[in-house]
Every structure is written in structure tokens, then in C-alpha cells.
């Protein structure tokens, strides 16, 4: 089936691994120092990993891929355990304990923005 799925440009990937934790389903892992989508059926195409990549190596593309497998993703989540991302809002320094954080890319940079500051980012 054709669907949206994460694509990782190996040339742009610097191997930092920041995209691994936001991928709650476990589709992205580090292999030989580079991020890889190891199982298409684990990628839900939500793109939470995109905004954390400092080099812009991750994009979404529409292509032929196995359907997303909810049951397999749940098994991966159980196996990996709860993942914590220690990030703060780049505007106000809130943590995820203060307000939900959203990964974004703006002006060529990856940032985290809390939902309280999102209107400021959008409207200036």
C-alpha cells in the first residue's frame, strides 16, 4: 500500500541518535552510526522524529510500504520501556512536566516548543 513514511538521508545523518527516542514505535534505530528505519510496519508516519534532527536528514515521503502494525508497535514499546526526552522549550525553557512539547524545524534549526509558546511562534 502507498502511505507516508519516514525517509532518512544517510548523507545528512550525523549519527546523533536524537530521532530514536521520539519514535515511540521503535521504527528508527542506530545501525553502524547512522539512523535507520528498520521496519516500515513500525513507522506510523506521524513525524515526531523530524523536528529533532539537527541536520534535516529526516523527511516524510509517500511510497509503497507495509501497513502500520499497531500490535507490533505496542510490543516494541513494551520491550523498550518508557522513553524520556530531556528537552525544554526553546522560548521559555518549560519542560514536558510543565507543558506538552512539540518538535519543530524552523529557519533550518530543530527546536522544541511548548504548547503555551506555540502561538508566539506562529503569530510573532
PDB file of N, CA and C in Angstrom:
ATOM      1  N   UNK A   1       0.839  -1.174   0.000  1.00  0.00           N
ATOM      2  CA  UNK A   1       0.000   0.000   0.000  1.00  0.00           C
ATOM      3  C   UNK A   1       0.884   1.238   0.000  1.00  0.00           C
ATOM      4  N   UNK A   2       0.394   2.328  -0.566  1.00  0.00           N
ATOM      5  CA  UNK A   2       1.118   3.592  -0.563  1.00  0.00           C
ATOM      6  C   UNK A   2       0.708   4.392   0.663  1.00  0.00           C
ATOM      7  N   UNK A   3       1.729   4.899   1.402  1.00  0.00           N
ATOM      8  CA  UNK A   3       1.442   5.702   2.582  1.00  0.00           C
ATOM      9  C   UNK A   3       2.653   6.558   2.923  1.00  0.00           C
ATOM     10  N   UNK A   4       2.448   7.487   3.870  1.00  0.00           N
ATOM     11  CA  UNK A   4       3.533   8.355   4.309  1.00  0.00           C
ATOM     12  C   UNK A   4       4.419   7.583   5.284  1.00  0.00           C
ATOM     13  N   UNK A   5       5.723   7.732   5.087  1.00  0.00           N
ATOM     14  CA  UNK A   5       6.688   7.030   5.927  1.00  0.00           C
ATOM     15  C   UNK A   5       7.961   7.875   6.002  1.00  0.00           C
ATOM     16  N   UNK A   6       8.702   7.726   7.084  1.00  0.00           N
ATOM     17  CA  UNK A   6       9.924   8.493   7.292  1.00  0.00           C
ATOM     18  C   UNK A   6      11.020   8.009   6.349  1.00  0.00           C
ATOM     19  N   UNK A   7      11.718   8.981   5.779  1.00  0.00           N
ATOM     20  CA  UNK A   7      12.887   8.703   4.942  1.00  0.00           C
ATOM     21  C   UNK A   7      14.075   9.392   5.607  1.00  0.00           C
ATOM     22  N   UNK A   8      15.199   8.680   5.721  1.00  0.00           N
ATOM     23  CA  UNK A   8      16.403   9.232   6.341  1.00  0.00           C
ATOM     24  C   UNK A   8      17.506   9.322   5.287  1.00  0.00           C
ATOM     25  N   UNK A   9      17.990  10.528   5.057  1.00  0.00           N
ATOM     26  CA  UNK A   9      19.077  10.769   4.119  1.00  0.00           C
ATOM     27  C   UNK A   9      20.394  10.447   4.826  1.00  0.00           C
ATOM     28  N   UNK A  10      21.037   9.348   4.420  1.00  0.00           N
ATOM     29  CA  UNK A  10      22.271   8.911   5.072  1.00  0.00           C
ATOM     30  C   UNK A  10      23.390   9.936   4.952  1.00  0.00           C
ATOM     31  N   UNK A  11      23.409  10.681   3.876  1.00  0.00           N
ATOM     32  CA  UNK A  11      24.446  11.707   3.690  1.00  0.00           C
ATOM     33  C   UNK A  11      24.316  12.816   4.728  1.00  0.00           C
ATOM     34  N   UNK A  12      23.063  13.174   5.079  1.00  0.00           N
ATOM     35  CA  UNK A  12      22.832  14.247   6.042  1.00  0.00           C
ATOM     36  C   UNK A  12      22.859  13.767   7.492  1.00  0.00           C
ATOM     37  N   UNK A  13      22.613  12.491   7.715  1.00  0.00           N
ATOM     38  CA  UNK A  13      22.573  11.950   9.084  1.00  0.00           C
ATOM     39  C   UNK A  13      23.965  12.021   9.709  1.00  0.00           C
ATOM     40  N   UNK A  14      24.037  12.675  10.888  1.00  0.00           N
ATOM     41  CA  UNK A  14      25.329  12.774  11.572  1.00  0.00           C
ATOM     42  C   UNK A  14      25.479  11.735  12.689  1.00  0.00           C
ATOM     43  N   UNK A  15      24.489  10.867  12.850  1.00  0.00           N
ATOM     44  CA  UNK A  15      24.574   9.796  13.829  1.00  0.00           C
ATOM     45  C   UNK A  15      24.325  10.211  15.262  1.00  0.00           C
ATOM     46  N   UNK A  16      23.682  11.363  15.476  1.00  0.00           N
ATOM     47  CA  UNK A  16      23.461  11.857  16.845  1.00  0.00           C
ATOM     48  C   UNK A  16      22.443  11.015  17.613  1.00  0.00           C
ATOM     49  N   UNK A  17      21.515  10.359  16.905  1.00  0.00           N
ATOM     50  CA  UNK A  17      20.523   9.499  17.548  1.00  0.00           C
ATOM     51  C   UNK A  17      19.347  10.211  18.175  1.00  0.00           C
ATOM     52  N   UNK A  18      19.238  11.528  17.995  1.00  0.00           N
ATOM     53  CA  UNK A  18      18.135  12.276  18.612  1.00  0.00           C
ATOM     54  C   UNK A  18      16.768  11.837  18.102  1.00  0.00           C
ATOM     55  N   UNK A  19      16.697  11.234  16.941  1.00  0.00           N
ATOM     56  CA  UNK A  19      15.421  10.817  16.355  1.00  0.00           C
ATOM     57  C   UNK A  19      14.907   9.496  16.930  1.00  0.00           C
ATOM     58  N   UNK A  20      15.760   8.753  17.615  1.00  0.00           N
ATOM     59  CA  UNK A  20      15.382   7.419  18.087  1.00  0.00           C
ATOM     60  C   UNK A  20      14.312   7.483  19.187  1.00  0.00           C
ATOM     61  N   UNK A  21      14.504   8.329  20.187  1.00  0.00           N
ATOM     62  CA  UNK A  21      13.554   8.386  21.303  1.00  0.00           C
ATOM     63  C   UNK A  21      12.174   8.899  20.893  1.00  0.00           C
ATOM     64  N   UNK A  22      12.059   9.958  20.061  1.00  0.00           N
ATOM     65  CA  UNK A  22      10.717  10.409  19.676  1.00  0.00           C
ATOM     66  C   UNK A  22       9.921   9.379  18.877  1.00  0.00           C
ATOM     67  N   UNK A  23      10.619   8.410  18.305  1.00  0.00           N
ATOM     68  CA  UNK A  23       9.937   7.342  17.575  1.00  0.00           C
ATOM     69  C   UNK A  23       9.479   6.295  18.587  1.00  0.00           C
ATOM     70  N   UNK A  24       8.325   6.547  19.185  1.00  0.00           N
ATOM     71  CA  UNK A  24       7.814   5.689  20.255  1.00  0.00           C
ATOM     72  C   UNK A  24       7.572   4.260  19.782  1.00  0.00           C
ATOM     73  N   UNK A  25       7.346   4.090  18.495  1.00  0.00           N
ATOM     74  CA  UNK A  25       7.023   2.765  17.953  1.00  0.00           C
ATOM     75  C   UNK A  25       8.264   1.910  17.725  1.00  0.00           C
ATOM     76  N   UNK A  26       9.456   2.521  17.761  1.00  0.00           N
ATOM     77  CA  UNK A  26      10.690   1.756  17.592  1.00  0.00           C
ATOM     78  C   UNK A  26      11.098   1.512  16.157  1.00  0.00           C
ATOM     79  N   UNK A  27      10.562   2.288  15.219  1.00  0.00           N
ATOM     80  CA  UNK A  27      10.917   2.095  13.812  1.00  0.00           C
ATOM     81  C   UNK A  27      12.341   2.547  13.508  1.00  0.00           C
ATOM     82  N   UNK A  28      12.825   3.552  14.248  1.00  0.00           N
ATOM     83  CA  UNK A  28      14.160   4.098  13.997  1.00  0.00           C
ATOM     84  C   UNK A  28      15.130   3.570  15.039  1.00  0.00           C
ATOM     85  N   UNK A  29      16.247   3.031  14.552  1.00  0.00           N
ATOM     86  CA  UNK A  29      17.330   2.576  15.425  1.00  0.00           C
ATOM     87  C   UNK A  29      18.652   3.037  14.821  1.00  0.00           C
ATOM     88  N   UNK A  30      19.700   2.989  15.625  1.00  0.00           N
ATOM     89  CA  UNK A  30      21.029   3.323  15.143  1.00  0.00           C
ATOM     90  C   UNK A  30      21.697   2.053  14.621  1.00  0.00           C
ATOM     91  N   UNK A  31      22.203   2.119  13.393  1.00  0.00           N
ATOM     92  CA  UNK A  31      22.902   0.998  12.774  1.00  0.00           C
ATOM     93  C   UNK A  31      24.199   1.539  12.178  1.00  0.00           C
ATOM     94  N   UNK A  32      25.308   1.029  12.654  1.00  0.00           N
ATOM     95  CA  UNK A  32      26.624   1.465  12.167  1.00  0.00           C
ATOM     96  C   UNK A  32      26.768   2.986  12.212  1.00  0.00           C
ATOM     97  N   UNK A  33      26.282   3.594  13.293  1.00  0.00           N
ATOM     98  CA  UNK A  33      26.449   5.030  13.489  1.00  0.00           C
ATOM     99  C   UNK A  33      25.511   5.918  12.701  1.00  0.00           C
ATOM    100  N   UNK A  34      24.483   5.339  12.100  1.00  0.00           N
ATOM    101  CA  UNK A  34      23.500   6.112  11.336  1.00  0.00           C
ATOM    102  C   UNK A  34      22.093   5.677  11.738  1.00  0.00           C
ATOM    103  N   UNK A  35      21.147   6.626  11.694  1.00  0.00           N
ATOM    104  CA  UNK A  35      19.751   6.305  11.973  1.00  0.00           C
ATOM    105  C   UNK A  35      19.153   5.575  10.776  1.00  0.00           C
ATOM    106  N   UNK A  36      18.378   4.548  11.062  1.00  0.00           N
ATOM    107  CA  UNK A  36      17.731   3.750  10.008  1.00  0.00           C
ATOM    108  C   UNK A  36      16.302   3.421  10.419  1.00  0.00           C
ATOM    109  N   UNK A  37      15.390   3.440   9.442  1.00  0.00           N
ATOM    110  CA  UNK A  37      14.051   2.890   9.647  1.00  0.00           C
ATOM    111  C   UNK A  37      14.195   1.398   9.377  1.00  0.00           C
ATOM    112  N   UNK A  38      14.097   0.594  10.443  1.00  0.00           N
ATOM    113  CA  UNK A  38      14.384  -0.828  10.312  1.00  0.00           C
ATOM    114  C   UNK A  38      13.173  -1.662   9.908  1.00  0.00           C
ATOM    115  N   UNK A  39      11.972  -1.171  10.242  1.00  0.00           N
ATOM    116  CA  UNK A  39      10.761  -1.897   9.862  1.00  0.00           C
ATOM    117  C   UNK A  39       9.703  -0.880   9.453  1.00  0.00           C
ATOM    118  N   UNK A  40       9.350  -0.881   8.187  1.00  0.00           N
ATOM    119  CA  UNK A  40       8.322   0.045   7.695  1.00  0.00           C
ATOM    120  C   UNK A  40       7.027  -0.068   8.489  1.00  0.00           C
ATOM    121  N   UNK A  41       6.685  -1.293   8.906  1.00  0.00           N
ATOM    122  CA  UNK A  41       5.413  -1.504   9.599  1.00  0.00           C
ATOM    123  C   UNK A  41       5.396  -0.890  11.006  1.00  0.00           C
ATOM    124  N   UNK A  42       6.559  -0.450  11.510  1.00  0.00           N
ATOM    125  CA  UNK A  42       6.611   0.234  12.800  1.00  0.00           C
ATOM    126  C   UNK A  42       6.514   1.751  12.661  1.00  0.00           C
ATOM    127  N   UNK A  43       6.680   2.270  11.459  1.00  0.00           N
ATOM    128  CA  UNK A  43       6.619   3.721  11.240  1.00  0.00           C
ATOM    129  C   UNK A  43       5.172   4.128  10.976  1.00  0.00           C
ATOM    130  N   UNK A  44       4.631   4.954  11.887  1.00  0.00           N
ATOM    131  CA  UNK A  44       3.247   5.399  11.718  1.00  0.00           C
ATOM    132  C   UNK A  44       3.141   6.650  10.853  1.00  0.00           C
ATOM    133  N   UNK A  45       4.288   7.236  10.487  1.00  0.00           N
ATOM    134  CA  UNK A  45       4.280   8.412   9.615  1.00  0.00           C
ATOM    135  C   UNK A  45       3.888   9.696  10.320  1.00  0.00           C
ATOM    136  N   UNK A  46       3.828   9.678  11.660  1.00  0.00           N
ATOM    137  CA  UNK A  46       3.436  10.882  12.401  1.00  0.00           C
ATOM    138  C   UNK A  46       4.501  11.971  12.312  1.00  0.00           C
ATOM    139  N   UNK A  47       5.751  11.575  12.226  1.00  0.00           N
ATOM    140  CA  UNK A  47       6.825  12.536  12.018  1.00  0.00           C
ATOM    141  C   UNK A  47       7.339  13.251  13.249  1.00  0.00           C
ATOM    142  N   UNK A  48       7.094  12.716  14.444  1.00  0.00           N
ATOM    143  CA  UNK A  48       7.630  13.354  15.648  1.00  0.00           C
ATOM    144  C   UNK A  48       9.155  13.379  15.631  1.00  0.00           C
ATOM    145  N   UNK A  49       9.758  12.489  14.887  1.00  0.00           N
ATOM    146  CA  UNK A  49      11.215  12.429  14.789  1.00  0.00           C
ATOM    147  C   UNK A  49      11.782  13.557  13.924  1.00  0.00           C
ATOM    148  N   UNK A  50      10.999  14.111  13.020  1.00  0.00           N
ATOM    149  CA  UNK A  50      11.506  15.101  12.065  1.00  0.00           C
ATOM    150  C   UNK A  50      12.070  16.344  12.734  1.00  0.00           C
ATOM    151  N   UNK A  51      11.337  16.875  13.691  1.00  0.00           N
ATOM    152  CA  UNK A  51      11.711  18.143  14.293  1.00  0.00           C
ATOM    153  C   UNK A  51      12.945  18.097  15.163  1.00  0.00           C
ATOM    154  N   UNK A  52      13.399  16.929  15.558  1.00  0.00           N
ATOM    155  CA  UNK A  52      14.557  16.850  16.440  1.00  0.00           C
ATOM    156  C   UNK A  52      15.865  16.669  15.694  1.00  0.00           C
ATOM    157  N   UNK A  53      15.811  16.418  14.414  1.00  0.00           N
ATOM    158  CA  UNK A  53      17.032  16.180  13.640  1.00  0.00           C
ATOM    159  C   UNK A  53      17.758  17.501  13.384  1.00  0.00           C
ATOM    160  N   UNK A  54      18.988  17.627  13.899  1.00  0.00           N
ATOM    161  CA  UNK A  54      19.712  18.887  13.732  1.00  0.00           C
ATOM    162  C   UNK A  54      20.203  19.144  12.309  1.00  0.00           C
ATOM    163  N   UNK A  55      20.205  18.113  11.464  1.00  0.00           N
ATOM    164  CA  UNK A  55      20.725  18.285  10.105  1.00  0.00           C
ATOM    165  C   UNK A  55      19.640  18.260   9.029  1.00  0.00           C
ATOM    166  N   UNK A  56      18.393  17.990   9.422  1.00  0.00           N
ATOM    167  CA  UNK A  56      17.307  17.910   8.448  1.00  0.00           C
ATOM    168  C   UNK A  56      17.346  16.646   7.618  1.00  0.00           C
ATOM    169  N   UNK A  57      17.946  15.585   8.156  1.00  0.00           N
ATOM    170  CA  UNK A  57      18.088  14.331   7.413  1.00  0.00           C
ATOM    171  C   UNK A  57      16.786  13.548   7.278  1.00  0.00           C
ATOM    172  N   UNK A  58      15.795  13.867   8.131  1.00  0.00           N
ATOM    173  CA  UNK A  58      14.543  13.115   8.123  1.00  0.00           C
ATOM    174  C   UNK A  58      13.447  13.895   7.409  1.00  0.00           C
ATOM    175  N   UNK A  59      12.748  13.206   6.537  1.00  0.00           N
ATOM    176  CA  UNK A  59      11.600  13.777   5.837  1.00  0.00           C
ATOM    177  C   UNK A  59      10.517  12.705   5.768  1.00  0.00           C
ATOM    178  N   UNK A  60       9.325  13.116   5.380  1.00  0.00           N
ATOM    179  CA  UNK A  60       8.261  12.149   5.114  1.00  0.00           C
ATOM    180  C   UNK A  60       8.106  12.015   3.617  1.00  0.00           C
ATOM    181  N   UNK A  61       7.924  10.797   3.165  1.00  0.00           N
ATOM    182  CA  UNK A  61       7.678  10.565   1.749  1.00  0.00           C
ATOM    183  C   UNK A  61       6.529   9.584   1.593  1.00  0.00           C
ATOM    184  N   UNK A  62       5.801   9.730   0.513  1.00  0.00           N
ATOM    185  CA  UNK A  62       4.747   8.766   0.204  1.00  0.00           C
ATOM    186  C   UNK A  62       5.351   7.702  -0.690  1.00  0.00           C
ATOM    187  N   UNK A  63       5.258   6.460  -0.228  1.00  0.00           N
ATOM    188  CA  UNK A  63       5.805   5.349  -1.012  1.00  0.00           C
ATOM    189  C   UNK A  63       5.133   4.045  -0.629  1.00  0.00           C
ATOM    190  N   UNK A  64       5.434   3.009  -1.382  1.00  0.00           N
ATOM    191  CA  UNK A  64       4.928   1.681  -1.076  1.00  0.00           C
ATOM    192  C   UNK A  64       5.576   1.195   0.216  1.00  0.00           C
ATOM    193  N   UNK A  65       4.769   0.774   1.150  1.00  0.00           N
ATOM    194  CA  UNK A  65       5.277   0.270   2.427  1.00  0.00           C
ATOM    195  C   UNK A  65       4.225  -0.647   3.043  1.00  0.00           C
ATOM    196  N   UNK A  66       4.692  -1.520   3.917  1.00  0.00           N
ATOM    197  CA  UNK A  66       3.755  -2.377   4.649  1.00  0.00           C
ATOM    198  C   UNK A  66       2.856  -1.486   5.502  1.00  0.00           C
ATOM    199  N   UNK A  67       1.615  -1.895   5.743  1.00  0.00           N
ATOM    200  CA  UNK A  67       0.732  -1.108   6.612  1.00  0.00           C
ATOM    201  C   UNK A  67       1.305  -1.009   8.022  1.00  0.00           C
ATOM    202  N   UNK A  68       0.981   0.089   8.718  1.00  0.00           N
ATOM    203  CA  UNK A  68       1.402   0.254  10.104  1.00  0.00           C
ATOM    204  C   UNK A  68       0.792  -0.859  10.941  1.00  0.00           C
ATOM    205  N   UNK A  69       1.604  -1.493  11.788  1.00  0.00           N
ATOM    206  CA  UNK A  69       1.170  -2.626  12.604  1.00  0.00           C
ATOM    207  C   UNK A  69       1.103  -2.189  14.069  1.00  0.00           C
ATOM    208  N   UNK A  70      -0.105  -1.845  14.530  1.00  0.00           N
ATOM    209  CA  UNK A  70      -0.304  -1.376  15.905  1.00  0.00           C
ATOM    210  C   UNK A  70       0.168  -2.403  16.930  1.00  0.00           C
ATOM    211  N   UNK A  71      -0.152  -3.658  16.715  1.00  0.00           N
ATOM    212  CA  UNK A  71       0.205  -4.707  17.676  1.00  0.00           C
ATOM    213  C   UNK A  71       1.721  -4.844  17.791  1.00  0.00           C
ATOM    214  N   UNK A  72       2.411  -4.819  16.672  1.00  0.00           N
ATOM    215  CA  UNK A  72       3.870  -4.916  16.682  1.00  0.00           C
ATOM    216  C   UNK A  72       4.481  -3.696  17.367  1.00  0.00           C
ATOM    217  N   UNK A  73       3.927  -2.520  17.103  1.00  0.00           N
ATOM    218  CA  UNK A  73       4.421  -1.285  17.725  1.00  0.00           C
ATOM    219  C   UNK A  73       4.243  -1.338  19.243  1.00  0.00           C
ATOM    220  N   UNK A  74       3.116  -1.850  19.704  1.00  0.00           N
ATOM    221  CA  UNK A  74       2.888  -1.979  21.145  1.00  0.00           C
ATOM    222  C   UNK A  74       3.895  -2.931  21.781  1.00  0.00           C
ATOM    223  N   UNK A  75       4.209  -4.026  21.092  1.00  0.00           N
ATOM    224  CA  UNK A  75       5.210  -4.967  21.596  1.00  0.00           C
ATOM    225  C   UNK A  75       6.576  -4.293  21.701  1.00  0.00           C
ATOM    226  N   UNK A  76       6.936  -3.505  20.696  1.00  0.00           N
ATOM    227  CA  UNK A  76       8.213  -2.781  20.713  1.00  0.00           C
ATOM    228  C   UNK A  76       8.259  -1.782  21.860  1.00  0.00           C
ATOM    229  N   UNK A  77       7.142  -1.086  22.093  1.00  0.00           N
ATOM    230  CA  UNK A  77       7.086  -0.112  23.180  1.00  0.00           C
ATOM    231  C   UNK A  77       7.259  -0.803  24.534  1.00  0.00           C
ATOM    232  N   UNK A  78       6.623  -1.956  24.710  1.00  0.00           N
ATOM    233  CA  UNK A  78       6.758  -2.712  25.949  1.00  0.00           C
ATOM    234  C   UNK A  78       8.201  -3.163  26.150  1.00  0.00           C
ATOM    235  N   UNK A  79       8.828  -3.614  25.071  1.00  0.00           N
ATOM    236  CA  UNK A  79      10.197  -4.105  25.134  1.00  0.00           C
ATOM    237  C   UNK A  79      11.179  -2.970  25.473  1.00  0.00           C
ATOM    238  N   UNK A  80      10.968  -1.800  24.881  1.00  0.00           N
ATOM    239  CA  UNK A  80      11.866  -0.651  25.094  1.00  0.00           C
ATOM    240  C   UNK A  80      11.625   0.044  26.420  1.00  0.00           C
ATOM    241  N   UNK A  81      10.417  -0.041  26.945  1.00  0.00           N
ATOM    242  CA  UNK A  81      10.085   0.679  28.172  1.00  0.00           C
ATOM    243  C   UNK A  81       9.812   2.144  27.869  1.00  0.00           C
ATOM    244  N   UNK A  82       9.460   2.876  28.909  1.00  0.00           N
ATOM    245  CA  UNK A  82       9.133   4.297  28.750  1.00  0.00           C
ATOM    246  C   UNK A  82      10.390   5.077  28.398  1.00  0.00           C
ATOM    247  N   UNK A  83      10.292   5.881  27.365  1.00  0.00           N
ATOM    248  CA  UNK A  83      11.407   6.698  26.910  1.00  0.00           C
ATOM    249  C   UNK A  83      11.176   8.141  27.333  1.00  0.00           C
ATOM    250  N   UNK A  84      12.174   8.767  27.915  1.00  0.00           N
ATOM    251  CA  UNK A  84      12.078  10.151  28.347  1.00  0.00           C
ATOM    252  C   UNK A  84      12.976  11.010  27.456  1.00  0.00           C
ATOM    253  N   UNK A  85      12.426  12.106  26.975  1.00  0.00           N
ATOM    254  CA  UNK A  85      13.194  13.059  26.182  1.00  0.00           C
ATOM    255  C   UNK A  85      13.439  14.276  27.074  1.00  0.00           C
ATOM    256  N   UNK A  86      14.668  14.495  27.458  1.00  0.00           N
ATOM    257  CA  UNK A  86      15.005  15.627  28.319  1.00  0.00           C
ATOM    258  C   UNK A  86      15.223  16.872  27.471  1.00  0.00           C
ATOM    259  N   UNK A  87      14.134  17.463  27.044  1.00  0.00           N
ATOM    260  CA  UNK A  87      14.191  18.671  26.234  1.00  0.00           C
ATOM    261  C   UNK A  87      13.429  19.770  26.939  1.00  0.00           C
ATOM    262  N   UNK A  88      13.706  21.009  26.532  1.00  0.00           N
ATOM    263  CA  UNK A  88      12.992  22.164  27.069  1.00  0.00           C
ATOM    264  C   UNK A  88      12.537  23.042  25.920  1.00  0.00           C
ATOM    265  N   UNK A  89      11.517  23.836  26.175  1.00  0.00           N
ATOM    266  CA  UNK A  89      11.018  24.783  25.193  1.00  0.00           C
ATOM    267  C   UNK A  89      12.121  25.790  24.882  1.00  0.00           C
ATOM    268  N   UNK A  90      12.374  26.028  23.626  1.00  0.00           N
ATOM    269  CA  UNK A  90      13.454  26.951  23.252  1.00  0.00           C
ATOM    270  C   UNK A  90      13.077  28.413  23.472  1.00  0.00           C
ATOM    271  N   UNK A  91      11.809  28.672  23.794  1.00  0.00           N
ATOM    272  CA  UNK A  91      11.386  30.051  24.069  1.00  0.00           C
ATOM    273  C   UNK A  91      11.360  30.328  25.575  1.00  0.00           C
ATOM    274  N   UNK A  92      10.708  29.452  26.357  1.00  0.00           N
ATOM    275  CA  UNK A  92      10.508  29.742  27.786  1.00  0.00           C
ATOM    276  C   UNK A  92      11.203  28.764  28.732  1.00  0.00           C
ATOM    277  N   UNK A  93      11.809  27.726  28.198  1.00  0.00           N
ATOM    278  CA  UNK A  93      12.511  26.705  28.986  1.00  0.00           C
ATOM    279  C   UNK A  93      11.592  25.773  29.769  1.00  0.00           C
ATOM    280  N   UNK A  94      10.281  25.734  29.472  1.00  0.00           N
ATOM    281  CA  UNK A  94       9.398  24.740  30.085  1.00  0.00           C
ATOM    282  C   UNK A  94       9.886  23.342  29.729  1.00  0.00           C
ATOM    283  N   UNK A  95       9.665  22.405  30.660  1.00  0.00           N
ATOM    284  CA  UNK A  95       9.940  21.001  30.375  1.00  0.00           C
ATOM    285  C   UNK A  95       8.618  20.319  30.044  1.00  0.00           C
ATOM    286  N   UNK A  96       8.669  19.050  29.709  1.00  0.00           N
ATOM    287  CA  UNK A  96       7.429  18.325  29.416  1.00  0.00           C
ATOM    288  C   UNK A  96       6.583  18.152  30.664  1.00  0.00           C
ATOM    289  N   UNK A  97       7.158  18.365  31.835  1.00  0.00           N
ATOM    290  CA  UNK A  97       6.379  18.345  33.071  1.00  0.00           C
ATOM    291  C   UNK A  97       5.530  19.608  33.212  1.00  0.00           C
ATOM    292  N   UNK A  98       5.968  20.707  32.578  1.00  0.00           N
ATOM    293  CA  UNK A  98       5.255  21.984  32.653  1.00  0.00           C
ATOM    294  C   UNK A  98       4.157  22.094  31.594  1.00  0.00           C
ATOM    295  N   UNK A  99       4.447  21.622  30.393  1.00  0.00           N
ATOM    296  CA  UNK A  99       3.509  21.722  29.269  1.00  0.00           C
ATOM    297  C   UNK A  99       3.968  20.746  28.186  1.00  0.00           C
ATOM    298  N   UNK A 100       3.045  20.245  27.361  1.00  0.00           N
ATOM    299  CA  UNK A 100       3.450  19.366  26.269  1.00  0.00           C
ATOM    300  C   UNK A 100       4.434  20.077  25.333  1.00  0.00           C
ATOM    301  N   UNK A 101       5.449  19.328  24.870  1.00  0.00           N
ATOM    302  CA  UNK A 101       6.444  19.861  23.953  1.00  0.00           C
ATOM    303  C   UNK A 101       6.244  19.279  22.564  1.00  0.00           C
ATOM    304  N   UNK A 102       6.485  20.102  21.553  1.00  0.00           N
ATOM    305  CA  UNK A 102       6.323  19.692  20.156  1.00  0.00           C
ATOM    306  C   UNK A 102       7.639  19.944  19.429  1.00  0.00           C
ATOM    307  N   UNK A 103       8.177  18.930  18.726  1.00  0.00           N
ATOM    308  CA  UNK A 103       9.395  19.167  17.956  1.00  0.00           C
ATOM    309  C   UNK A 103       9.052  19.902  16.657  1.00  0.00           C
ATOM    310  N   UNK A 104       9.854  20.912  16.318  1.00  0.00           N
ATOM    311  CA  UNK A 104       9.627  21.655  15.083  1.00  0.00           C
ATOM    312  C   UNK A 104      10.960  21.927  14.391  1.00  0.00           C
ATOM    313  N   UNK A 105      10.877  22.286  13.129  1.00  0.00           N
ATOM    314  CA  UNK A 105      12.040  22.808  12.408  1.00  0.00           C
ATOM    315  C   UNK A 105      11.649  24.180  11.914  1.00  0.00           C
ATOM    316  N   UNK A 106      12.518  25.140  12.168  1.00  0.00           N
ATOM    317  CA  UNK A 106      12.278  26.498  11.697  1.00  0.00           C
ATOM    318  C   UNK A 106      13.608  27.152  11.370  1.00  0.00           C
ATOM    319  N   UNK A 107      13.669  27.813  10.234  1.00  0.00           N
ATOM    320  CA  UNK A 107      14.887  28.509   9.795  1.00  0.00           C
ATOM    321  C   UNK A 107      16.102  27.590   9.817  1.00  0.00           C
ATOM    322  N   UNK A 108      15.889  26.339   9.431  1.00  0.00           N
ATOM    323  CA  UNK A 108      16.980  25.378   9.354  1.00  0.00           C
ATOM    324  C   UNK A 108      17.438  24.785  10.668  1.00  0.00           C
ATOM    325  N   UNK A 109      16.729  25.065  11.761  1.00  0.00           N
ATOM    326  CA  UNK A 109      17.103  24.545  13.070  1.00  0.00           C
ATOM    327  C   UNK A 109      15.996  23.670  13.642  1.00  0.00           C
ATOM    328  N   UNK A 110      16.405  22.672  14.409  1.00  0.00           N
ATOM    329  CA  UNK A 110      15.456  21.830  15.131  1.00  0.00           C
ATOM    330  C   UNK A 110      15.276  22.409  16.519  1.00  0.00           C
ATOM    331  N   UNK A 111      14.024  22.537  16.947  1.00  0.00           N
ATOM    332  CA  UNK A 111      13.719  23.098  18.260  1.00  0.00           C
ATOM    333  C   UNK A 111      12.549  22.354  18.873  1.00  0.00           C
ATOM    334  N   UNK A 112      12.396  22.523  20.186  1.00  0.00           N
ATOM    335  CA  UNK A 112      11.224  22.060  20.901  1.00  0.00           C
ATOM    336  C   UNK A 112      10.468  23.299  21.351  1.00  0.00           C
ATOM    337  N   UNK A 113       9.162  23.303  21.170  1.00  0.00           N
ATOM    338  CA  UNK A 113       8.312  24.421  21.576  1.00  0.00           C
ATOM    339  C   UNK A 113       7.183  23.856  22.433  1.00  0.00           C
ATOM    340  N   UNK A 114       6.923  24.507  23.577  1.00  0.00           N
ATOM    341  CA  UNK A 114       5.792  24.053  24.384  1.00  0.00           C
ATOM    342  C   UNK A 114       4.503  24.636  23.794  1.00  0.00           C
ATOM    343  N   UNK A 115       3.393  24.009  24.123  1.00  0.00           N
ATOM    344  CA  UNK A 115       2.117  24.451  23.548  1.00  0.00           C
ATOM    345  C   UNK A 115       1.745  25.856  23.999  1.00  0.00           C
ATOM    346  N   UNK A 116       2.268  26.286  25.122  1.00  0.00           N
ATOM    347  CA  UNK A 116       1.992  27.661  25.580  1.00  0.00           C
ATOM    348  C   UNK A 116       2.687  28.695  24.700  1.00  0.00           C
ATOM    349  N   UNK A 117       3.856  28.354  24.171  1.00  0.00           N
ATOM    350  CA  UNK A 117       4.622  29.297  23.346  1.00  0.00           C
ATOM    351  C   UNK A 117       4.327  29.154  21.851  1.00  0.00           C
ATOM    352  N   UNK A 118       3.608  28.130  21.469  1.00  0.00           N
ATOM    353  CA  UNK A 118       3.317  27.903  20.051  1.00  0.00           C
ATOM    354  C   UNK A 118       2.645  29.106  19.401  1.00  0.00           C
ATOM    355  N   UNK A 119       1.650  29.746  20.031  1.00  0.00           N
ATOM    356  CA  UNK A 119       1.045  30.936  19.414  1.00  0.00           C
ATOM    357  C   UNK A 119       2.067  32.060  19.164  1.00  0.00           C
ATOM    358  N   UNK A 120       3.023  32.222  20.078  1.00  0.00           N
ATOM    359  CA  UNK A 120       4.066  33.225  19.888  1.00  0.00           C
ATOM    360  C   UNK A 120       4.893  32.921  18.654  1.00  0.00           C
ATOM    361  N   UNK A 121       5.225  31.656  18.473  1.00  0.00           N
ATOM    362  CA  UNK A 121       5.998  31.246  17.311  1.00  0.00           C
ATOM    363  C   UNK A 121       5.216  31.477  16.019  1.00  0.00           C
ATOM    364  N   UNK A 122       3.943  31.161  16.057  1.00  0.00           N
ATOM    365  CA  UNK A 122       3.098  31.295  14.859  1.00  0.00           C
ATOM    366  C   UNK A 122       2.808  32.749  14.524  1.00  0.00           C
ATOM    367  N   UNK A 123       2.448  33.536  15.523  1.00  0.00           N
ATOM    368  CA  UNK A 123       1.993  34.912  15.288  1.00  0.00           C
ATOM    369  C   UNK A 123       3.047  35.977  15.538  1.00  0.00           C
ATOM    370  N   UNK A 124       4.168  35.572  16.080  1.00  0.00           N
ATOM    371  CA  UNK A 124       5.257  36.531  16.325  1.00  0.00           C
ATOM    372  C   UNK A 124       5.172  37.261  17.627  1.00  0.00           C
TER     373      UNK A 124
END
